[in-house]
Amino acid sequence: MTKKAFIFDLDGVIVDTAKYHYLAWQKIANELNIEFTHEHNELLKGVSRVRSLDIILELGKVEALQEDKDRWLVQKNEDYLSYLVDMDESEILPGVFSILQFLKENNQPIALGSASKNARPILEKTGLLSYFDAVVDGNDVTNAKPDPEVFLMAAKLLNATPENSIVFEDSVAGVQAANIGNMTSIGIGDANTLHEAKHIFKDFTAIDTHFIEELIKE
């Protein structure tokens, strides 16, 4: 079997930590009397922590000093991390584990490409770290998606060309980053939202191993 590089986003693709991000951001928004709903939270998918705070402040038309922003960013991360303390393999989204196992059994290189700065501890807590040959996260890159930097770096670490790289993403910015990077984009989630992806599945339970085999052959 030939080889392709398989690159996975983290939040909303491998694990559902989006709910914890939402709770942490909502706490900040409440303190600032800014309405922050699940719909608003969709605007933060695939976006850096700094930009996420700016979006929330824009929603509430709130102007803030940099020192206040810095304090809120630290507070948000501390609150988020507190939710992760008891995280375990039960947080892995349905169908993900079987796909990772299939790729590993068939000697396909696997990388993580995530904006999260907490990617490694999350992979450790869920018992998935050993499945990844490379991890590129928010500590390694300077440009946020849709810039393809995170995916290009992951592909390079796997000794793969962008054309032979396949990206699993749940955000519009992530799908766009994969496309800009000349990679095969696979959207995980709502088909209308992720219409720019080459392939779209509601979740990993809808992906069978035959589809993965065909990707590898392409």
Protein backbone atom coordinates (compact mmCIF):
# COMPACT_ATOMS: atom_id res chain seq x y z
CA MET A 1 0.00 0.00 0.00
CA THR A 2 1.30 3.45 -0.89
CA LYS A 3 1.50 6.19 1.73
CA LYS A 4 -0.31 9.47 2.26
CA ALA A 5 0.02 11.90 5.17
CA PHE A 6 -3.10 12.10 7.33
CA ILE A 7 -3.40 15.33 9.31
CA PHE A 8 -6.12 15.84 11.93
CA ASP A 9 -7.39 18.98 13.59
CA LEU A 10 -8.12 18.43 17.30
CA ASP A 11 -11.10 20.37 18.66
CA GLY A 12 -14.34 19.14 17.11
CA VAL A 13 -12.56 16.48 15.04
CA ILE A 14 -10.83 14.13 17.49
CA VAL A 15 -12.31 15.35 20.76
CA ASP A 16 -15.20 17.61 21.68
CA THR A 17 -13.37 20.26 23.65
CA ALA A 18 -15.39 22.98 21.91
CA LYS A 19 -17.91 22.82 24.77
CA TYR A 20 -15.15 23.68 27.27
CA HIS A 21 -13.91 26.58 25.15
CA TYR A 22 -17.49 27.83 25.02
CA LEU A 23 -17.94 27.69 28.80
CA ALA A 24 -14.64 29.50 29.39
CA TRP A 25 -15.40 32.24 26.84
CA GLN A 26 -18.96 32.58 28.12
CA LYS A 27 -17.63 33.27 31.61
CA ILE A 28 -15.53 36.15 30.27
CA ALA A 29 -18.44 37.46 28.19
CA ASN A 30 -20.78 37.37 31.19
CA GLU A 31 -18.32 39.42 33.23
CA LEU A 32 -18.34 42.02 30.46
CA ASN A 33 -22.15 41.89 30.04
CA ILE A 34 -21.75 40.63 26.47
CA GLU A 35 -24.33 38.18 25.10
CA PHE A 36 -22.46 35.08 23.91
CA THR A 37 -24.52 32.22 22.51
CA HIS A 38 -23.66 28.87 20.89
CA GLU A 39 -24.24 30.59 17.53
CA HIS A 40 -21.67 33.26 18.43
CA ASN A 41 -19.28 30.49 19.46
CA GLU A 42 -19.32 29.17 15.87
CA LEU A 43 -17.42 32.34 14.90
CA LEU A 44 -14.49 31.17 17.03
CA LYS A 45 -13.98 27.78 15.36
CA GLY A 46 -10.43 27.38 14.13
CA VAL A 47 -9.54 30.87 15.38
CA SER A 48 -6.66 31.77 17.72
CA ARG A 49 -7.30 32.68 21.36
CA VAL A 50 -6.28 36.31 20.77
CA ARG A 51 -8.57 36.71 17.78
CA SER A 52 -11.40 34.93 19.63
CA LEU A 53 -11.26 37.52 22.41
CA ASP A 54 -11.31 40.34 19.85
CA ILE A 55 -14.41 38.82 18.22
CA ILE A 56 -16.21 38.66 21.59
CA LEU A 57 -15.28 42.26 22.38
CA GLU A 58 -16.52 43.31 18.94
CA LEU A 59 -19.84 41.51 19.61
CA GLY A 60 -20.32 43.64 22.70
CA LYS A 61 -18.78 46.78 21.18
CA VAL A 62 -16.34 46.81 24.08
CA GLU A 63 -12.98 48.55 23.83
CA ALA A 64 -10.28 47.38 26.22
CA LEU A 65 -6.70 48.10 27.20
CA GLN A 66 -4.09 45.52 26.22
CA GLU A 67 -3.38 44.74 29.89
CA ASP A 68 -7.05 43.83 30.39
CA LYS A 69 -7.00 41.68 27.25
CA ASP A 70 -3.90 39.87 28.49
CA ARG A 71 -5.56 39.20 31.85
CA TRP A 72 -8.74 37.84 30.21
CA LEU A 73 -6.69 35.59 27.92
CA VAL A 74 -4.90 34.07 30.91
CA GLN A 75 -8.19 33.71 32.80
CA LYS A 76 -9.84 32.02 29.82
CA ASN A 77 -7.04 29.50 29.47
CA GLU A 78 -7.01 28.72 33.20
CA ASP A 79 -10.78 28.16 33.19
CA TYR A 80 -10.50 26.00 30.06
CA LEU A 81 -7.71 23.89 31.55
CA SER A 82 -9.73 23.37 34.73
CA TYR A 83 -12.41 21.66 32.61
CA LEU A 84 -9.78 19.34 31.09
CA VAL A 85 -8.51 17.94 34.41
CA ASP A 86 -10.85 14.95 34.37
CA MET A 87 -10.66 14.36 30.62
CA ASP A 88 -10.18 10.74 29.46
CA GLU A 89 -10.73 8.46 26.44
CA SER A 90 -14.50 8.90 26.78
CA GLU A 91 -14.03 12.36 25.21
CA ILE A 92 -12.86 10.86 21.89
CA LEU A 93 -15.53 11.49 19.27
CA PRO A 94 -17.37 8.47 17.77
CA GLY A 95 -15.55 6.64 14.98
CA VAL A 96 -12.22 8.44 15.41
CA PHE A 97 -10.41 5.63 17.20
CA SER A 98 -11.18 3.00 14.54
CA ILE A 99 -9.90 5.27 11.75
CA LEU A 100 -6.69 6.00 13.65
CA GLN A 101 -6.23 2.29 14.28
CA PHE A 102 -6.76 1.46 10.59
CA LEU A 103 -4.20 4.09 9.52
CA LYS A 104 -1.68 2.84 12.07
CA GLU A 105 -2.15 -0.81 11.05
CA ASN A 106 -1.53 0.21 7.43
CA ASN A 107 1.61 2.23 8.27
CA GLN A 108 0.13 5.56 7.20
CA PRO A 109 1.87 8.58 8.77
CA ILE A 110 -0.40 10.59 11.08
CA ALA A 111 -0.02 14.16 12.38
CA LEU A 112 -2.02 16.62 14.43
CA GLY A 113 -2.44 20.13 13.07
CA SER A 114 -4.23 22.27 15.63
CA ALA A 115 -4.40 25.88 16.80
CA SER A 116 -4.75 24.60 20.37
CA LYS A 117 -1.82 25.23 22.68
CA ASN A 118 -3.03 22.36 24.87
CA ALA A 119 -3.00 19.68 22.16
CA ARG A 120 -0.31 17.45 23.65
CA PRO A 121 -1.84 17.16 27.16
CA ILE A 122 -5.25 16.48 25.58
CA LEU A 123 -3.80 13.66 23.45
CA GLU A 124 -2.07 12.26 26.54
CA LYS A 125 -5.23 12.35 28.65
CA THR A 126 -7.26 10.59 25.94
CA GLY A 127 -4.54 7.99 25.34
CA LEU A 128 -4.05 8.97 21.71
CA LEU A 129 -0.59 10.55 21.69
CA SER A 130 1.15 7.34 20.56
CA TYR A 131 -0.94 7.28 17.36
CA PHE A 132 0.63 10.52 16.12
CA ASP A 133 3.98 10.63 14.38
CA ALA A 134 4.04 14.42 14.62
CA VAL A 135 2.18 17.09 16.59
CA VAL A 136 2.01 20.70 15.41
CA ASP A 137 -0.03 23.00 17.64
CA GLY A 138 -0.48 26.63 18.62
CA ASN A 139 2.93 26.66 20.30
CA ASP A 140 4.66 25.91 16.99
CA VAL A 141 3.04 28.29 14.50
CA THR A 142 2.65 32.04 14.12
CA ASN A 143 -0.11 32.23 11.52
CA ALA A 144 -3.70 31.21 12.25
CA LYS A 145 -5.92 29.28 9.84
CA PRO A 146 -6.90 29.88 7.02
CA ASP A 147 -3.14 30.31 6.65
CA PRO A 148 -1.94 26.75 5.87
CA GLU A 149 1.21 27.03 8.01
CA VAL A 150 0.12 24.44 10.61
CA PHE A 151 -0.72 21.84 7.95
CA LEU A 152 2.35 22.52 5.81
CA MET A 153 4.55 22.11 8.88
CA ALA A 154 2.79 18.84 9.77
CA ALA A 155 3.24 17.50 6.23
CA LYS A 156 6.93 18.42 6.28
CA LEU A 157 7.42 16.55 9.57
CA LEU A 158 5.81 13.50 7.95
CA ASN A 159 8.11 13.89 4.89
CA ALA A 160 5.05 14.32 2.68
CA THR A 161 4.21 16.75 -0.08
CA PRO A 162 1.04 18.85 0.26
CA GLU A 163 -0.47 16.99 -2.72
CA ASN A 164 -0.14 13.72 -0.80
CA SER A 165 -1.60 15.13 2.42
CA ILE A 166 -5.17 14.68 3.65
CA VAL A 167 -6.65 17.02 6.26
CA PHE A 168 -9.64 16.38 8.55
CA GLU A 169 -11.24 19.63 9.71
CA ASP A 170 -14.49 20.84 11.29
CA SER A 171 -14.06 24.58 10.69
CA VAL A 172 -14.41 26.74 7.59
CA ALA A 173 -11.01 28.34 8.28
CA GLY A 174 -9.43 24.89 8.59
CA VAL A 175 -10.92 23.62 5.34
CA GLN A 176 -9.77 26.80 3.61
CA ALA A 177 -6.26 26.34 5.05
CA ALA A 178 -6.09 22.79 3.65
CA ASN A 179 -7.31 23.97 0.24
CA ILE A 180 -4.87 26.89 0.15
CA GLY A 181 -2.10 24.46 1.08
CA ASN A 182 -3.05 22.28 -1.92
CA MET A 183 -4.11 19.38 0.30
CA THR A 184 -7.18 17.14 0.19
CA SER A 185 -9.73 18.64 2.60
CA ILE A 186 -12.23 16.48 4.44
CA GLY A 187 -14.90 18.35 6.35
CA ILE A 188 -16.30 16.82 9.53
CA GLY A 189 -19.67 18.34 10.39
CA ASP A 190 -22.38 20.32 8.62
CA ALA A 191 -22.31 20.01 4.82
CA ASN A 192 -23.68 23.51 4.24
CA THR A 193 -21.07 25.11 6.48
CA LEU A 194 -18.15 23.08 5.14
CA HIS A 195 -19.14 23.11 1.46
CA GLU A 196 -15.63 24.15 0.39
CA ALA A 197 -14.23 20.76 1.49
CA LYS A 198 -13.52 18.11 -1.16
CA HIS A 199 -15.33 15.47 0.93
CA ILE A 200 -17.78 16.01 3.80
CA PHE A 201 -18.99 13.61 6.50
CA LYS A 202 -21.24 14.31 9.46
CA ASP A 203 -18.74 12.50 11.72
CA PHE A 204 -16.20 9.67 11.61
CA THR A 205 -18.86 6.96 11.96
CA ALA A 206 -19.85 7.85 8.38
CA ILE A 207 -16.31 7.14 7.09
CA ASP A 208 -15.51 3.53 6.23
CA THR A 209 -12.11 1.98 5.65
CA HIS A 210 -12.83 1.53 1.94
CA PHE A 211 -12.98 5.33 1.59
CA ILE A 212 -9.62 5.64 3.37
CA GLU A 213 -8.13 2.97 1.07
CA GLU A 214 -9.32 4.91 -1.99
CA LEU A 215 -7.74 8.11 -0.61
CA ILE A 216 -4.44 6.33 -0.23
CA LYS A 217 -4.59 5.03 -3.82
CA GLU A 218 -5.36 8.45 -5.35
